[in-house]
Every structure is written in C-alpha cells, then in structure tokens.
Amino acid sequence: MSLKRYHEAQKGQPGYDKAKSELQKGRKTSHWIWYIIPQLQSLGYSERAKRYGIADFKEACDYLRDPLLFKRYNEIVSLIERQLQKIPVETLMGGATDARKLASSLTLFQAAASFLSSANHQTQHDYAGLEQRCARIFQIITNQGYPPCKATLAELNKPGQNIKYNNTHASVVLTRQEQFAHAKSKPVSLAHELAEYQKTRKNEWEFHYNFLGIVSVLYFIQDMLLGTDHFNTKNREIKISAAAKLERILDPAQPKPEPLNKAEIKALKEGRLGDLVSRHGSLNHIIANAPMKPMDDPSSQSGLHL
C-alpha cells in the first residue's frame, strides 16, 4: 500500500489538526490513532489497524523520509513529550489501549529514526532528534507501565527484512543484528559529547597540572582522615575512564567493555560528567537501551552490573 493513505486520512475528520488540538487540550477524545501514530500492521486486529498499519521496518523508514509525514509525526511526538511532563500517559491518550499503541509506535519509529540517523545521506530531517525524543518519552512512561513494546521489538528482530538505504531509496540488506541495534535506544549525540568531554579533561590536565595535582593531594589527605573515597571517585583518570567506557558501550561497532566499577558509576552521576549524562536520561536507562554488540544474544541483557 502507498503512503498516500496516511496523507488522505490526516486531511479527513478527525484528521491531524483535530489530533493535535485534542492533545494540546490534554486528552485524546476522538478516533485517529491508527493514521496519526501508526504501529506495525501485524500487531493490529481491526480493519483500520490493518489498513493504516505500517507494513514493515522498510515502510517505517519510508514514512519518516516523507517530508510531511515526518514533520507531523515529529510535531505530535514533541507535543506528547511536553504534555507528559504534567499529564499521565493514560489520561493524555484517552485510556490504556491507546497508551499501549503509543508505546508500540514510539518503539517502531525510534528504531527507524536511529537507522536513518546513522545512514550516510544528506537530509533536512532531524532523525537523531526524533530518536532522542522517543527515548525521553520512554523514560517517563516506562515508570507508568508502558516500556518499549516487546511485540514490536520481536517483529523488528525477525530475520529476512532485507532493508538498507542509499541516498535516495531502499536497497540491499539490513542484518538481523543491525535491526536489533537500531531497535534499541541509542543516544546519538551522547557518544560525541563524551568524546569531547575526554578531550577537555585531558587539556585541563595539561594546562592546570599543578592545581589539579594539589587538589588530588587534598582529596587523598581527606580520605585518610575521614575515611572517604574522594581521591578515587573525583580523580580525573576515573572520570575519563568512565566517559570512555560509556562511549564504547554506546558504539555498536566496539566490543563490549568491562562492567563499570563503583567509582566510574559515581563519576557518571556527579559533577560536569554527571550533568552531561543526565541530559540524555538516567545512566541505568542509557545503558539498558544501548545498542547490541555484534556477538551479543538479543535475548540477553547488556552484561553491565549497575
């Protein structure tokens, strides 16, 4: 089926403007979820769910590549994120059924946005921004009982989807492991920020060696007198090590690093490094939703012990 079905439905009644108006008022009250916040076709049962369901991962990517459909989906997701700061997801979506459909749709399009943001082609669409927005919504609604949809992830991990993009259209093959990597929440800009943080800290050490050396000595003395552990937890090398390890965790091409130790976990939650990480969500959430590594079993956990 053509994406034209979404364009036509969103012009109808209730259409896109009606959906946006209801969400702005704080509650979905009419029936438009199928073509405004679509989920996989295989997960629906009704005639409308089948008609407006996304056929597969390829069509999900095509949906986001469509200028108008991307603009509207991104706007709706942005509006939902803002409203969820003050309204429970079941209230906003008009009940548990559509809250589940929202989680299913976000799971699908977060994966598609992640794939498209990592594809090497020029676009005006902020796929990385949409991916991160979906991740932030899940930080909110997971605590309300709506985590990423397991059924959607299972569909994305079925072999034989045969998807890959060049600059203009779908071609070649997306492997099963790549599908799973893109089905996981990957804070795209966080890895870059961690790399910049490491460079900054190393430069600080070069420029302020004497000052930082004195501070380290003071921490060491304080630990000896008070039984604290500031020398290890606030040590520059610990912070750089923690940032480097988290950067490797977020890079699907890198082998799985050793688990973060207690000092590194603390370093990632405090100070400038902690502020940097917290902008992308909780440390536990970031690690739990990191991309799978090439040798990982998709059914296993990340192997990191927090």
C-alpha atoms as a PDB file:
ATOM      1  CA  MET A   1       0.000   0.000   0.000  1.00  0.00           C
ATOM      2  CA  SER A   2       1.055   3.573  -0.652  1.00  0.00           C
ATOM      3  CA  LEU A   3       1.872   6.222   1.940  1.00  0.00           C
ATOM      4  CA  LYS A   4      -0.891   8.203   0.248  1.00  0.00           C
ATOM      5  CA  ARG A   5      -3.349   6.520   2.632  1.00  0.00           C
ATOM      6  CA  TYR A   6      -1.814   8.487   5.521  1.00  0.00           C
ATOM      7  CA  HIS A   7      -1.917  11.795   3.656  1.00  0.00           C
ATOM      8  CA  GLU A   8      -5.581  11.309   2.827  1.00  0.00           C
ATOM      9  CA  ALA A   9      -6.572  10.165   6.321  1.00  0.00           C
ATOM     10  CA  GLN A  10      -4.739  13.037   8.009  1.00  0.00           C
ATOM     11  CA  LYS A  11      -6.733  15.517   5.887  1.00  0.00           C
ATOM     12  CA  GLY A  12     -10.009  13.918   6.937  1.00  0.00           C
ATOM     13  CA  GLN A  13     -12.166  14.164  10.037  1.00  0.00           C
ATOM     14  CA  PRO A  14     -10.828  13.595  12.565  1.00  0.00           C
ATOM     15  CA  GLY A  15      -7.518  14.494  10.950  1.00  0.00           C
ATOM     16  CA  TYR A  16      -4.119  15.749  12.000  1.00  0.00           C
ATOM     17  CA  ASP A  17      -5.332  19.161  13.183  1.00  0.00           C
ATOM     18  CA  LYS A  18      -8.015  17.547  15.345  1.00  0.00           C
ATOM     19  CA  ALA A  19      -5.494  15.138  16.878  1.00  0.00           C
ATOM     20  CA  LYS A  20      -3.091  17.961  17.663  1.00  0.00           C
ATOM     21  CA  SER A  21      -5.869  20.079  19.183  1.00  0.00           C
ATOM     22  CA  GLU A  22      -7.035  17.266  21.467  1.00  0.00           C
ATOM     23  CA  LEU A  23      -3.523  16.568  22.730  1.00  0.00           C
ATOM     24  CA  GLN A  24      -2.972  20.277  23.339  1.00  0.00           C
ATOM     25  CA  LYS A  25      -6.117  20.256  25.486  1.00  0.00           C
ATOM     26  CA  GLY A  26      -4.739  17.331  27.479  1.00  0.00           C
ATOM     27  CA  ARG A  27      -6.770  14.316  26.344  1.00  0.00           C
ATOM     28  CA  LYS A  28      -7.402  12.286  23.181  1.00  0.00           C
ATOM     29  CA  THR A  29     -11.181  12.091  22.712  1.00  0.00           C
ATOM     30  CA  SER A  30     -11.802  11.002  19.099  1.00  0.00           C
ATOM     31  CA  HIS A  31     -10.577   8.164  16.877  1.00  0.00           C
ATOM     32  CA  TRP A  32      -7.445   8.938  14.868  1.00  0.00           C
ATOM     33  CA  ILE A  33      -4.612   6.940  16.428  1.00  0.00           C
ATOM     34  CA  TRP A  34      -4.214   4.484  13.502  1.00  0.00           C
ATOM     35  CA  TYR A  35      -3.011   7.056  10.954  1.00  0.00           C
ATOM     36  CA  ILE A  36      -1.519   9.751  13.227  1.00  0.00           C
ATOM     37  CA  ILE A  37       0.556   7.494  15.499  1.00  0.00           C
ATOM     38  CA  PRO A  38       0.720   4.261  13.474  1.00  0.00           C
ATOM     39  CA  GLN A  39       2.114   0.951  14.673  1.00  0.00           C
ATOM     40  CA  LEU A  40       3.062  -2.244  12.850  1.00  0.00           C
ATOM     41  CA  GLN A  41       0.265  -3.759  10.788  1.00  0.00           C
ATOM     42  CA  SER A  42       0.951  -7.232  12.181  1.00  0.00           C
ATOM     43  CA  LEU A  43       0.048  -6.068  15.702  1.00  0.00           C
ATOM     44  CA  GLY A  44      -3.431  -4.758  14.839  1.00  0.00           C
ATOM     45  CA  TYR A  45      -6.744  -6.604  14.540  1.00  0.00           C
ATOM     46  CA  SER A  46      -9.367  -4.130  13.340  1.00  0.00           C
ATOM     47  CA  GLU A  47      -9.937  -3.117   9.727  1.00  0.00           C
ATOM     48  CA  ARG A  48      -8.478   0.339  10.381  1.00  0.00           C
ATOM     49  CA  ALA A  49      -5.476  -1.099  12.211  1.00  0.00           C
ATOM     50  CA  LYS A  50      -4.740  -3.293   9.195  1.00  0.00           C
ATOM     51  CA  ARG A  51      -5.346  -0.520   6.656  1.00  0.00           C
ATOM     52  CA  TYR A  52      -3.188   2.062   8.405  1.00  0.00           C
ATOM     53  CA  GLY A  53      -0.669  -0.271   9.996  1.00  0.00           C
ATOM     54  CA  ILE A  54       2.979   0.037   8.957  1.00  0.00           C
ATOM     55  CA  ALA A  55       3.829  -2.983   6.800  1.00  0.00           C
ATOM     56  CA  ASP A  56       7.416  -3.467   7.975  1.00  0.00           C
ATOM     57  CA  PHE A  57      10.606  -1.694   9.019  1.00  0.00           C
ATOM     58  CA  LYS A  58      11.196  -0.507   5.455  1.00  0.00           C
ATOM     59  CA  GLU A  59       7.840   1.264   5.348  1.00  0.00           C
ATOM     60  CA  ALA A  60       8.549   2.796   8.762  1.00  0.00           C
ATOM     61  CA  CYS A  61      11.721   4.308   7.282  1.00  0.00           C
ATOM     62  CA  ASP A  62       9.815   5.414   4.173  1.00  0.00           C
ATOM     63  CA  TYR A  63       7.226   7.064   6.434  1.00  0.00           C
ATOM     64  CA  LEU A  64       9.914   9.160   8.126  1.00  0.00           C
ATOM     65  CA  ARG A  65      11.535  10.009   4.805  1.00  0.00           C
ATOM     66  CA  ASP A  66       8.252  11.556   3.626  1.00  0.00           C
ATOM     67  CA  PRO A  67       8.610  15.312   4.413  1.00  0.00           C
ATOM     68  CA  LEU A  68       5.036  15.952   5.564  1.00  0.00           C
ATOM     69  CA  LEU A  69       4.617  12.694   7.481  1.00  0.00           C
ATOM     70  CA  PHE A  70       7.936  13.204   9.285  1.00  0.00           C
ATOM     71  CA  LYS A  71       7.047  16.802  10.149  1.00  0.00           C
ATOM     72  CA  ARG A  72       3.694  15.812  11.602  1.00  0.00           C
ATOM     73  CA  TYR A  73       4.922  12.758  13.490  1.00  0.00           C
ATOM     74  CA  ASN A  74       7.800  14.758  14.959  1.00  0.00           C
ATOM     75  CA  GLU A  75       5.403  17.557  15.971  1.00  0.00           C
ATOM     76  CA  ILE A  76       2.973  15.136  17.612  1.00  0.00           C
ATOM     77  CA  VAL A  77       5.760  13.359  19.496  1.00  0.00           C
ATOM     78  CA  SER A  78       7.152  16.724  20.651  1.00  0.00           C
ATOM     79  CA  LEU A  79       3.702  17.749  21.869  1.00  0.00           C
ATOM     80  CA  ILE A  80       3.239  14.432  23.674  1.00  0.00           C
ATOM     81  CA  GLU A  81       6.626  14.820  25.362  1.00  0.00           C
ATOM     82  CA  ARG A  82       5.665  18.264  26.667  1.00  0.00           C
ATOM     83  CA  GLN A  83       2.242  17.153  27.864  1.00  0.00           C
ATOM     84  CA  LEU A  84       3.642  14.108  29.660  1.00  0.00           C
ATOM     85  CA  GLN A  85       5.543  16.441  31.960  1.00  0.00           C
ATOM     86  CA  LYS A  86       2.208  17.187  33.652  1.00  0.00           C
ATOM     87  CA  ILE A  87      -0.330  14.600  32.416  1.00  0.00           C
ATOM     88  CA  PRO A  88      -0.229  10.773  32.872  1.00  0.00           C
ATOM     89  CA  VAL A  89       0.030   8.884  29.594  1.00  0.00           C
ATOM     90  CA  GLU A  90      -3.303   7.069  30.029  1.00  0.00           C
ATOM     91  CA  THR A  91      -5.077  10.378  30.603  1.00  0.00           C
ATOM     92  CA  LEU A  92      -3.393  12.047  27.631  1.00  0.00           C
ATOM     93  CA  MET A  93      -4.093   9.139  25.270  1.00  0.00           C
ATOM     94  CA  GLY A  94      -7.639   8.549  26.477  1.00  0.00           C
ATOM     95  CA  GLY A  95      -7.022   5.185  28.098  1.00  0.00           C
ATOM     96  CA  ALA A  96      -4.722   2.186  28.391  1.00  0.00           C
ATOM     97  CA  THR A  97      -5.392   0.820  24.889  1.00  0.00           C
ATOM     98  CA  ASP A  98      -4.101   3.885  23.067  1.00  0.00           C
ATOM     99  CA  ALA A  99      -1.291   4.322  25.595  1.00  0.00           C
ATOM    100  CA  ARG A 100      -0.100   0.864  24.506  1.00  0.00           C
ATOM    101  CA  LYS A 101      -0.435   1.853  20.844  1.00  0.00           C
ATOM    102  CA  LEU A 102       1.643   4.955  21.545  1.00  0.00           C
ATOM    103  CA  ALA A 103       4.394   2.826  23.113  1.00  0.00           C
ATOM    104  CA  SER A 104       4.282   0.473  20.126  1.00  0.00           C
ATOM    105  CA  SER A 105       4.533   3.337  17.621  1.00  0.00           C
ATOM    106  CA  LEU A 106       7.370   5.028  19.514  1.00  0.00           C
ATOM    107  CA  THR A 107       9.287   1.739  19.634  1.00  0.00           C
ATOM    108  CA  LEU A 108       8.960   1.325  15.865  1.00  0.00           C
ATOM    109  CA  PHE A 109       9.803   4.874  14.850  1.00  0.00           C
ATOM    110  CA  GLN A 110      12.601   5.226  17.387  1.00  0.00           C
ATOM    111  CA  ALA A 111      14.222   2.252  15.668  1.00  0.00           C
ATOM    112  CA  ALA A 112      13.588   3.714  12.207  1.00  0.00           C
ATOM    113  CA  ALA A 113      14.891   7.146  13.242  1.00  0.00           C
ATOM    114  CA  SER A 114      18.000   5.547  14.717  1.00  0.00           C
ATOM    115  CA  PHE A 115      18.644   3.666  11.480  1.00  0.00           C
ATOM    116  CA  LEU A 116      18.082   6.720   9.300  1.00  0.00           C
ATOM    117  CA  SER A 117      20.205   8.981  11.512  1.00  0.00           C
ATOM    118  CA  SER A 118      23.128   6.580  11.154  1.00  0.00           C
ATOM    119  CA  ALA A 119      22.656   6.165   7.385  1.00  0.00           C
ATOM    120  CA  ASN A 120      25.176   8.251   5.496  1.00  0.00           C
ATOM    121  CA  HIS A 121      22.908  10.527   3.467  1.00  0.00           C
ATOM    122  CA  GLN A 122      22.004  14.202   3.439  1.00  0.00           C
ATOM    123  CA  THR A 123      18.589  15.192   4.764  1.00  0.00           C
ATOM    124  CA  GLN A 124      16.788  18.104   6.363  1.00  0.00           C
ATOM    125  CA  HIS A 125      15.051  15.738   8.789  1.00  0.00           C
ATOM    126  CA  ASP A 126      16.307  15.625  12.359  1.00  0.00           C
ATOM    127  CA  TYR A 127      16.133  11.853  12.773  1.00  0.00           C
ATOM    128  CA  ALA A 128      18.507  11.889  15.736  1.00  0.00           C
ATOM    129  CA  GLY A 129      16.309  14.434  17.482  1.00  0.00           C
ATOM    130  CA  LEU A 130      13.223  12.263  16.981  1.00  0.00           C
ATOM    131  CA  GLU A 131      15.078   9.206  18.247  1.00  0.00           C
ATOM    132  CA  GLN A 132      16.151  11.021  21.410  1.00  0.00           C
ATOM    133  CA  ARG A 133      12.660  12.448  21.909  1.00  0.00           C
ATOM    134  CA  CYS A 134      11.197   8.931  21.822  1.00  0.00           C
ATOM    135  CA  ALA A 135      13.808   7.827  24.358  1.00  0.00           C
ATOM    136  CA  ARG A 136      12.896  10.678  26.700  1.00  0.00           C
ATOM    137  CA  ILE A 137       9.207   9.782  26.462  1.00  0.00           C
ATOM    138  CA  PHE A 138      10.026   6.200  27.411  1.00  0.00           C
ATOM    139  CA  GLN A 139      11.867   7.493  30.468  1.00  0.00           C
ATOM    140  CA  ILE A 140       8.533   8.944  31.561  1.00  0.00           C
ATOM    141  CA  ILE A 141       6.006   6.314  30.511  1.00  0.00           C
ATOM    142  CA  THR A 142       8.061   3.257  31.465  1.00  0.00           C
ATOM    143  CA  ASN A 143       7.518   4.264  35.085  1.00  0.00           C
ATOM    144  CA  GLN A 144       3.785   4.342  34.320  1.00  0.00           C
ATOM    145  CA  GLY A 145       3.786   0.784  32.984  1.00  0.00           C
ATOM    146  CA  TYR A 146       4.470   1.434  29.297  1.00  0.00           C
ATOM    147  CA  PRO A 147       8.037   0.400  28.377  1.00  0.00           C
ATOM    148  CA  PRO A 148       9.205  -0.148  24.781  1.00  0.00           C
ATOM    149  CA  CYS A 149       6.844  -2.623  23.108  1.00  0.00           C
ATOM    150  CA  LYS A 150       8.212  -6.172  23.248  1.00  0.00           C
ATOM    151  CA  ALA A 151       5.977  -7.344  20.401  1.00  0.00           C
ATOM    152  CA  THR A 152       7.281  -4.557  18.156  1.00  0.00           C
ATOM    153  CA  LEU A 153      10.891  -5.361  19.034  1.00  0.00           C
ATOM    154  CA  ALA A 154      10.213  -9.038  18.301  1.00  0.00           C
ATOM    155  CA  GLU A 155       8.885  -8.127  14.845  1.00  0.00           C
ATOM    156  CA  LEU A 156      11.895  -5.928  14.161  1.00  0.00           C
ATOM    157  CA  ASN A 157      14.197  -8.807  15.038  1.00  0.00           C
ATOM    158  CA  LYS A 158      12.674 -11.315  12.659  1.00  0.00           C
ATOM    159  CA  PRO A 159      15.249 -12.338  10.016  1.00  0.00           C
ATOM    160  CA  GLY A 160      14.857 -11.575   6.341  1.00  0.00           C
ATOM    161  CA  GLN A 161      13.613  -7.993   6.394  1.00  0.00           C
ATOM    162  CA  ASN A 162      16.205  -7.057   3.737  1.00  0.00           C
ATOM    163  CA  ILE A 163      16.497  -3.343   4.371  1.00  0.00           C
ATOM    164  CA  LYS A 164      19.224  -0.848   3.734  1.00  0.00           C
ATOM    165  CA  TYR A 165      19.244   2.663   2.350  1.00  0.00           C
ATOM    166  CA  ASN A 166      21.419   4.572  -0.031  1.00  0.00           C
ATOM    167  CA  ASN A 167      20.936   8.304  -0.531  1.00  0.00           C
ATOM    168  CA  THR A 168      17.600   8.030  -2.310  1.00  0.00           C
ATOM    169  CA  HIS A 169      15.873   4.700  -1.803  1.00  0.00           C
ATOM    170  CA  ALA A 170      15.794   1.311  -0.111  1.00  0.00           C
ATOM    171  CA  SER A 171      18.129  -1.357  -1.429  1.00  0.00           C
ATOM    172  CA  VAL A 172      20.489  -4.041  -0.118  1.00  0.00           C
ATOM    173  CA  VAL A 173      20.218  -5.783   3.290  1.00  0.00           C
ATOM    174  CA  LEU A 174      19.925  -4.833   6.940  1.00  0.00           C
ATOM    175  CA  THR A 175      21.179  -7.747   9.037  1.00  0.00           C
ATOM    176  CA  ARG A 176      19.284  -9.118  11.997  1.00  0.00           C
ATOM    177  CA  GLN A 177      21.884  -7.738  14.409  1.00  0.00           C
ATOM    178  CA  GLU A 178      21.651  -4.303  12.763  1.00  0.00           C
ATOM    179  CA  GLN A 179      17.880  -4.416  13.120  1.00  0.00           C
ATOM    180  CA  PHE A 180      18.213  -5.085  16.841  1.00  0.00           C
ATOM    181  CA  ALA A 181      20.852  -2.395  17.260  1.00  0.00           C
ATOM    182  CA  HIS A 182      18.537   0.162  15.705  1.00  0.00           C
ATOM    183  CA  ALA A 183      15.565  -1.105  17.682  1.00  0.00           C
ATOM    184  CA  LYS A 184      17.426  -0.122  20.868  1.00  0.00           C
ATOM    185  CA  SER A 185      17.525   3.390  22.146  1.00  0.00           C
ATOM    186  CA  LYS A 186      20.895   4.892  21.248  1.00  0.00           C
ATOM    187  CA  PRO A 187      21.565   8.462  22.426  1.00  0.00           C
ATOM    188  CA  VAL A 188      23.316   9.552  19.259  1.00  0.00           C
ATOM    189  CA  SER A 189      24.837  12.809  20.477  1.00  0.00           C
ATOM    190  CA  LEU A 190      25.868  11.483  23.887  1.00  0.00           C
ATOM    191  CA  ALA A 191      28.779   9.485  22.457  1.00  0.00           C
ATOM    192  CA  HIS A 192      30.076  12.627  20.736  1.00  0.00           C
ATOM    193  CA  GLU A 193      29.712  14.662  23.930  1.00  0.00           C
ATOM    194  CA  LEU A 194      31.584  12.006  25.892  1.00  0.00           C
ATOM    195  CA  ALA A 195      34.452  12.134  23.389  1.00  0.00           C
ATOM    196  CA  GLU A 196      34.578  15.936  23.684  1.00  0.00           C
ATOM    197  CA  TYR A 197      34.494  15.679  27.472  1.00  0.00           C
ATOM    198  CA  GLN A 198      37.538  13.390  27.430  1.00  0.00           C
ATOM    199  CA  LYS A 199      39.461  15.835  25.244  1.00  0.00           C
ATOM    200  CA  THR A 200      38.546  18.728  27.519  1.00  0.00           C
ATOM    201  CA  ARG A 201      39.631  16.923  30.680  1.00  0.00           C
ATOM    202  CA  LYS A 202      42.940  15.930  29.128  1.00  0.00           C
ATOM    203  CA  ASN A 203      43.585  19.536  28.092  1.00  0.00           C
ATOM    204  CA  GLU A 204      42.695  20.740  31.565  1.00  0.00           C
ATOM    205  CA  TRP A 205      45.311  18.394  32.958  1.00  0.00           C
ATOM    206  CA  GLU A 206      47.929  19.788  30.615  1.00  0.00           C
ATOM    207  CA  PHE A 207      47.085  23.434  31.400  1.00  0.00           C
ATOM    208  CA  HIS A 208      46.405  23.106  35.125  1.00  0.00           C
ATOM    209  CA  TYR A 209      48.658  20.251  36.159  1.00  0.00           C
ATOM    210  CA  ASN A 210      49.904  21.864  39.346  1.00  0.00           C
ATOM    211  CA  PHE A 211      46.474  22.978  40.546  1.00  0.00           C
ATOM    212  CA  LEU A 212      44.827  19.610  39.897  1.00  0.00           C
ATOM    213  CA  GLY A 213      47.767  17.858  41.477  1.00  0.00           C
ATOM    214  CA  ILE A 214      47.289  19.855  44.680  1.00  0.00           C
ATOM    215  CA  VAL A 215      43.556  19.076  44.650  1.00  0.00           C
ATOM    216  CA  SER A 216      44.315  15.366  44.291  1.00  0.00           C
ATOM    217  CA  VAL A 217      46.663  15.512  47.266  1.00  0.00           C
ATOM    218  CA  LEU A 218      43.984  17.266  49.329  1.00  0.00           C
ATOM    219  CA  TYR A 219      41.473  14.557  48.413  1.00  0.00           C
ATOM    220  CA  PHE A 220      43.990  11.893  49.407  1.00  0.00           C
ATOM    221  CA  ILE A 221      44.593  13.540  52.799  1.00  0.00           C
ATOM    222  CA  GLN A 222      40.851  13.970  53.366  1.00  0.00           C
ATOM    223  CA  ASP A 223      40.278  10.288  52.603  1.00  0.00           C
ATOM    224  CA  MET A 224      42.992   9.293  55.077  1.00  0.00           C
ATOM    225  CA  LEU A 225      41.492  11.443  57.848  1.00  0.00           C
ATOM    226  CA  LEU A 226      37.772  10.956  57.242  1.00  0.00           C
ATOM    227  CA  GLY A 227      37.591   7.538  55.594  1.00  0.00           C
ATOM    228  CA  THR A 228      36.034   8.947  52.408  1.00  0.00           C
ATOM    229  CA  ASP A 229      36.959   7.912  48.869  1.00  0.00           C
ATOM    230  CA  HIS A 230      37.131  11.257  47.053  1.00  0.00           C
ATOM    231  CA  PHE A 231      40.587  10.546  45.631  1.00  0.00           C
ATOM    232  CA  ASN A 232      39.189   7.694  43.544  1.00  0.00           C
ATOM    233  CA  THR A 233      35.687   8.959  42.781  1.00  0.00           C
ATOM    234  CA  LYS A 234      36.767  12.521  41.877  1.00  0.00           C
ATOM    235  CA  ASN A 235      40.039  11.569  40.242  1.00  0.00           C
ATOM    236  CA  ARG A 236      40.454  12.883  36.707  1.00  0.00           C
ATOM    237  CA  GLU A 237      41.537   9.491  35.399  1.00  0.00           C
ATOM    238  CA  ILE A 238      38.428   7.843  36.836  1.00  0.00           C
ATOM    239  CA  LYS A 239      36.190  10.388  35.100  1.00  0.00           C
ATOM    240  CA  ILE A 240      37.991   9.987  31.782  1.00  0.00           C
ATOM    241  CA  SER A 241      37.859   6.205  32.126  1.00  0.00           C
ATOM    242  CA  ALA A 242      34.132   6.321  32.905  1.00  0.00           C
ATOM    243  CA  ALA A 243      33.418   8.584  29.925  1.00  0.00           C
ATOM    244  CA  ALA A 244      35.486   6.396  27.595  1.00  0.00           C
ATOM    245  CA  LYS A 245      33.809   3.214  28.786  1.00  0.00           C
ATOM    246  CA  LEU A 246      30.300   4.638  28.361  1.00  0.00           C
ATOM    247  CA  GLU A 247      31.263   5.883  24.896  1.00  0.00           C
ATOM    248  CA  ARG A 248      32.292   2.315  23.969  1.00  0.00           C
ATOM    249  CA  ILE A 249      29.042   0.947  25.397  1.00  0.00           C
ATOM    250  CA  LEU A 250      27.092   3.256  23.055  1.00  0.00           C
ATOM    251  CA  ASP A 251      29.115   2.296  19.974  1.00  0.00           C
ATOM    252  CA  PRO A 252      27.748  -0.938  18.420  1.00  0.00           C
ATOM    253  CA  ALA A 253      30.999  -1.373  16.475  1.00  0.00           C
ATOM    254  CA  GLN A 254      33.089  -1.533  19.655  1.00  0.00           C
ATOM    255  CA  PRO A 255      33.488  -4.751  21.677  1.00  0.00           C
ATOM    256  CA  LYS A 256      31.690  -4.931  24.993  1.00  0.00           C
ATOM    257  CA  PRO A 257      33.855  -3.245  27.679  1.00  0.00           C
ATOM    258  CA  GLU A 258      34.337  -4.414  31.233  1.00  0.00           C
ATOM    259  CA  PRO A 259      31.424  -3.521  33.524  1.00  0.00           C
ATOM    260  CA  LEU A 260      31.545  -0.061  35.052  1.00  0.00           C
ATOM    261  CA  ASN A 261      33.004  -0.167  38.545  1.00  0.00           C
ATOM    262  CA  LYS A 262      31.527   1.706  41.504  1.00  0.00           C
ATOM    263  CA  ALA A 263      33.858   4.687  41.153  1.00  0.00           C
ATOM    264  CA  GLU A 264      33.060   5.017  37.439  1.00  0.00           C
ATOM    265  CA  ILE A 265      29.314   4.786  38.064  1.00  0.00           C
ATOM    266  CA  LYS A 266      29.595   7.519  40.675  1.00  0.00           C
ATOM    267  CA  ALA A 267      31.675   9.657  38.302  1.00  0.00           C
ATOM    268  CA  LEU A 268      28.953   9.346  35.646  1.00  0.00           C
ATOM    269  CA  LYS A 269      26.347  10.627  38.098  1.00  0.00           C
ATOM    270  CA  GLU A 270      28.176  13.616  39.602  1.00  0.00           C
ATOM    271  CA  GLY A 271      29.741  16.902  38.541  1.00  0.00           C
ATOM    272  CA  ARG A 272      30.101  18.041  34.950  1.00  0.00           C
ATOM    273  CA  LEU A 273      30.157  14.478  33.645  1.00  0.00           C
ATOM    274  CA  GLY A 274      27.015  13.637  35.588  1.00  0.00           C
ATOM    275  CA  ASP A 275      25.253  16.710  34.198  1.00  0.00           C
ATOM    276  CA  LEU A 276      26.279  15.743  30.670  1.00  0.00           C
ATOM    277  CA  VAL A 277      24.929  12.204  31.047  1.00  0.00           C
ATOM    278  CA  SER A 278      21.712  13.221  32.821  1.00  0.00           C
ATOM    279  CA  ARG A 279      20.679  15.411  29.875  1.00  0.00           C
ATOM    280  CA  HIS A 280      20.162  12.170  27.953  1.00  0.00           C
ATOM    281  CA  GLY A 281      18.332  10.317  30.729  1.00  0.00           C
ATOM    282  CA  SER A 282      19.290   8.198  33.698  1.00  0.00           C
ATOM    283  CA  LEU A 283      22.505   6.201  33.475  1.00  0.00           C
ATOM    284  CA  ASN A 284      20.615   2.942  34.003  1.00  0.00           C
ATOM    285  CA  HIS A 285      18.222   3.742  31.145  1.00  0.00           C
ATOM    286  CA  ILE A 286      21.029   4.738  28.775  1.00  0.00           C
ATOM    287  CA  ILE A 287      22.945   1.526  29.399  1.00  0.00           C
ATOM    288  CA  ALA A 288      19.860  -0.692  29.330  1.00  0.00           C
ATOM    289  CA  ASN A 289      18.935   0.719  25.910  1.00  0.00           C
ATOM    290  CA  ALA A 290      22.430   0.771  24.396  1.00  0.00           C
ATOM    291  CA  PRO A 291      22.908  -0.932  21.001  1.00  0.00           C
ATOM    292  CA  MET A 292      23.616  -4.647  20.967  1.00  0.00           C
ATOM    293  CA  LYS A 293      27.198  -5.670  20.282  1.00  0.00           C
ATOM    294  CA  PRO A 294      28.000  -7.900  17.261  1.00  0.00           C
ATOM    295  CA  MET A 295      28.428 -11.026  19.378  1.00  0.00           C
ATOM    296  CA  ASP A 296      25.559 -10.359  21.790  1.00  0.00           C
ATOM    297  CA  ASP A 297      22.500 -12.554  22.071  1.00  0.00           C
ATOM    298  CA  PRO A 298      19.462 -10.289  21.537  1.00  0.00           C
ATOM    299  CA  SER A 299      17.652 -12.102  24.327  1.00  0.00           C
ATOM    300  CA  SER A 300      20.379 -11.346  26.853  1.00  0.00           C
ATOM    301  CA  GLN A 301      20.948  -8.222  28.915  1.00  0.00           C
ATOM    302  CA  SER A 302      23.773  -5.769  28.425  1.00  0.00           C
ATOM    303  CA  GLY A 303      26.028  -7.601  30.836  1.00  0.00           C
ATOM    304  CA  LEU A 304      26.678  -4.443  32.842  1.00  0.00           C
ATOM    305  CA  HIS A 305      26.074  -4.617  36.538  1.00  0.00           C
ATOM    306  CA  LEU A 306      24.632  -1.423  37.993  1.00  0.00           C
END
